[in-house]
Amino acid sequence: MNDIWSFFLGLSDGFRAALADVNPLPILIVAIVIGLLQKKPEKYAMKAAGALALVLAFNIFLPLVRGGQPAWADISRISSIAQYFLMYVFAYGMIGVLGSVKSLMNVQVKKA
């Protein structure tokens, strides 16, 4: 029972650290651009995964511009995994909302 309790405490600490350290601005900007440029509001999961991959690639390879080493994330830490999950959820939600709004605006334009 003690091992299960310590696992859940570690999981809780990881999610708390992820919420404190996550920067949703880059993923939201990329998701807004993808949401506004999408032709059909479908396949949100694939579009959100693409947005996440684009932002992660930017974050990893940005130090190369200044002559540094790539900043690979430590995926063995639960906080890193939780941050990726939260950024994916942000992207999925934003792309979905903008896809719905865009299709609703197209229906309103066609009725008029």
Protein backbone atom coordinates (compact mmCIF):
# COMPACT_ATOMS: atom_id res chain seq x y z
CA MET A 1 0.00 0.00 0.00
CA ASN A 2 2.88 2.34 0.74
CA ASP A 3 4.29 1.94 -2.80
CA ILE A 4 0.98 2.86 -4.38
CA TRP A 5 0.67 5.90 -2.15
CA SER A 6 4.19 7.08 -2.98
CA PHE A 7 3.49 6.54 -6.70
CA PHE A 8 0.41 8.76 -6.56
CA LEU A 9 2.27 11.38 -4.53
CA GLY A 10 5.05 11.41 -7.13
CA LEU A 11 2.46 11.66 -9.91
CA SER A 12 0.76 14.55 -8.13
CA ASP A 13 4.08 16.35 -7.63
CA GLY A 14 4.93 15.85 -11.29
CA PHE A 15 1.65 17.32 -12.46
CA ARG A 16 1.98 20.21 -10.03
CA ALA A 17 5.48 20.96 -11.34
CA ALA A 18 4.22 20.68 -14.93
CA LEU A 19 1.43 23.16 -14.27
CA ALA A 20 3.88 25.58 -12.71
CA ASP A 21 6.42 25.32 -15.54
CA VAL A 22 4.28 24.99 -18.67
CA ASN A 23 4.39 27.86 -21.15
CA PRO A 24 1.22 27.60 -23.26
CA LEU A 25 1.88 30.67 -25.41
CA PRO A 26 3.92 29.04 -28.23
CA ILE A 27 1.55 26.11 -28.61
CA LEU A 28 -1.48 28.40 -28.54
CA ILE A 29 -0.02 30.64 -31.25
CA VAL A 30 0.74 27.65 -33.50
CA ALA A 31 -2.69 26.15 -32.78
CA ILE A 32 -4.42 29.44 -33.62
CA VAL A 33 -2.57 29.63 -36.94
CA ILE A 34 -3.43 26.01 -37.76
CA GLY A 35 -7.02 26.52 -36.64
CA LEU A 36 -7.48 29.57 -38.83
CA LEU A 37 -5.78 28.05 -41.88
CA GLN A 38 -7.51 24.66 -41.83
CA LYS A 39 -9.83 23.99 -44.74
CA LYS A 40 -12.01 21.34 -43.09
CA PRO A 41 -12.62 21.06 -39.35
CA GLU A 42 -11.57 17.43 -39.02
CA LYS A 43 -8.65 15.34 -37.76
CA TYR A 44 -8.02 17.58 -34.76
CA ALA A 45 -5.80 14.99 -33.09
CA MET A 46 -3.38 14.88 -36.02
CA LYS A 47 -3.29 18.67 -36.31
CA ALA A 48 -2.67 19.03 -32.56
CA ALA A 49 0.14 16.46 -32.75
CA GLY A 50 1.68 18.40 -35.64
CA ALA A 51 1.45 21.64 -33.68
CA LEU A 52 3.08 19.99 -30.68
CA ALA A 53 5.87 18.54 -32.83
CA LEU A 54 6.50 21.94 -34.40
CA VAL A 55 6.72 23.71 -31.04
CA LEU A 56 8.92 20.99 -29.53
CA ALA A 57 11.28 21.09 -32.52
CA PHE A 58 11.50 24.86 -32.17
CA ASN A 59 12.24 24.59 -28.43
CA ILE A 60 14.82 21.85 -28.94
CA PHE A 61 16.74 23.45 -31.80
CA LEU A 62 16.51 27.13 -30.82
CA PRO A 63 19.82 27.01 -28.87
CA LEU A 64 21.59 25.97 -32.09
CA VAL A 65 20.96 29.47 -33.45
CA ARG A 66 23.12 30.91 -30.68
CA GLY A 67 25.82 28.28 -31.10
CA GLY A 68 24.72 26.04 -28.23
CA GLN A 69 23.70 22.41 -28.00
CA PRO A 70 20.16 21.15 -28.65
CA ALA A 71 18.02 21.28 -25.51
CA TRP A 72 16.56 17.78 -25.40
CA ALA A 73 13.85 17.29 -22.82
CA ASP A 74 14.19 14.64 -20.16
CA ILE A 75 11.23 12.40 -20.93
CA SER A 76 11.96 10.19 -17.93
CA ARG A 77 10.54 12.91 -15.66
CA ILE A 78 6.79 12.86 -15.15
CA SER A 79 6.66 16.66 -15.24
CA SER A 80 7.98 16.71 -18.84
CA ILE A 81 5.42 14.15 -19.96
CA ALA A 82 2.66 16.08 -18.20
CA GLN A 83 3.77 19.31 -19.90
CA TYR A 84 3.60 17.65 -23.32
CA PHE A 85 0.17 16.30 -22.50
CA LEU A 86 -1.07 19.71 -21.37
CA MET A 87 0.30 21.41 -24.47
CA TYR A 88 -1.38 18.76 -26.63
CA VAL A 89 -4.69 19.38 -24.86
CA PHE A 90 -4.32 23.15 -25.35
CA ALA A 91 -3.61 22.68 -29.06
CA TYR A 92 -6.46 20.20 -29.53
CA GLY A 93 -8.93 22.51 -27.81
CA MET A 94 -7.85 25.62 -29.68
CA ILE A 95 -7.86 23.92 -33.09
CA GLY A 96 -11.26 22.40 -32.35
CA VAL A 97 -12.81 25.66 -31.21
CA LEU A 98 -11.44 27.62 -34.16
CA GLY A 99 -12.54 24.91 -36.58
CA SER A 100 -16.07 25.03 -35.18
CA VAL A 101 -16.18 28.82 -35.28
CA LYS A 102 -14.83 28.91 -38.82
CA SER A 103 -17.37 26.35 -40.07
CA LEU A 104 -20.16 28.22 -38.29
CA MET A 105 -19.09 31.46 -39.96
CA ASN A 106 -19.07 29.73 -43.37
CA VAL A 107 -22.62 28.46 -42.80
CA GLN A 108 -23.79 31.95 -41.85
CA VAL A 109 -22.19 33.44 -44.97
CA LYS A 110 -23.84 30.83 -47.22
CA LYS A 111 -27.30 31.54 -45.72
CA ALA A 112 -27.05 35.26 -46.37
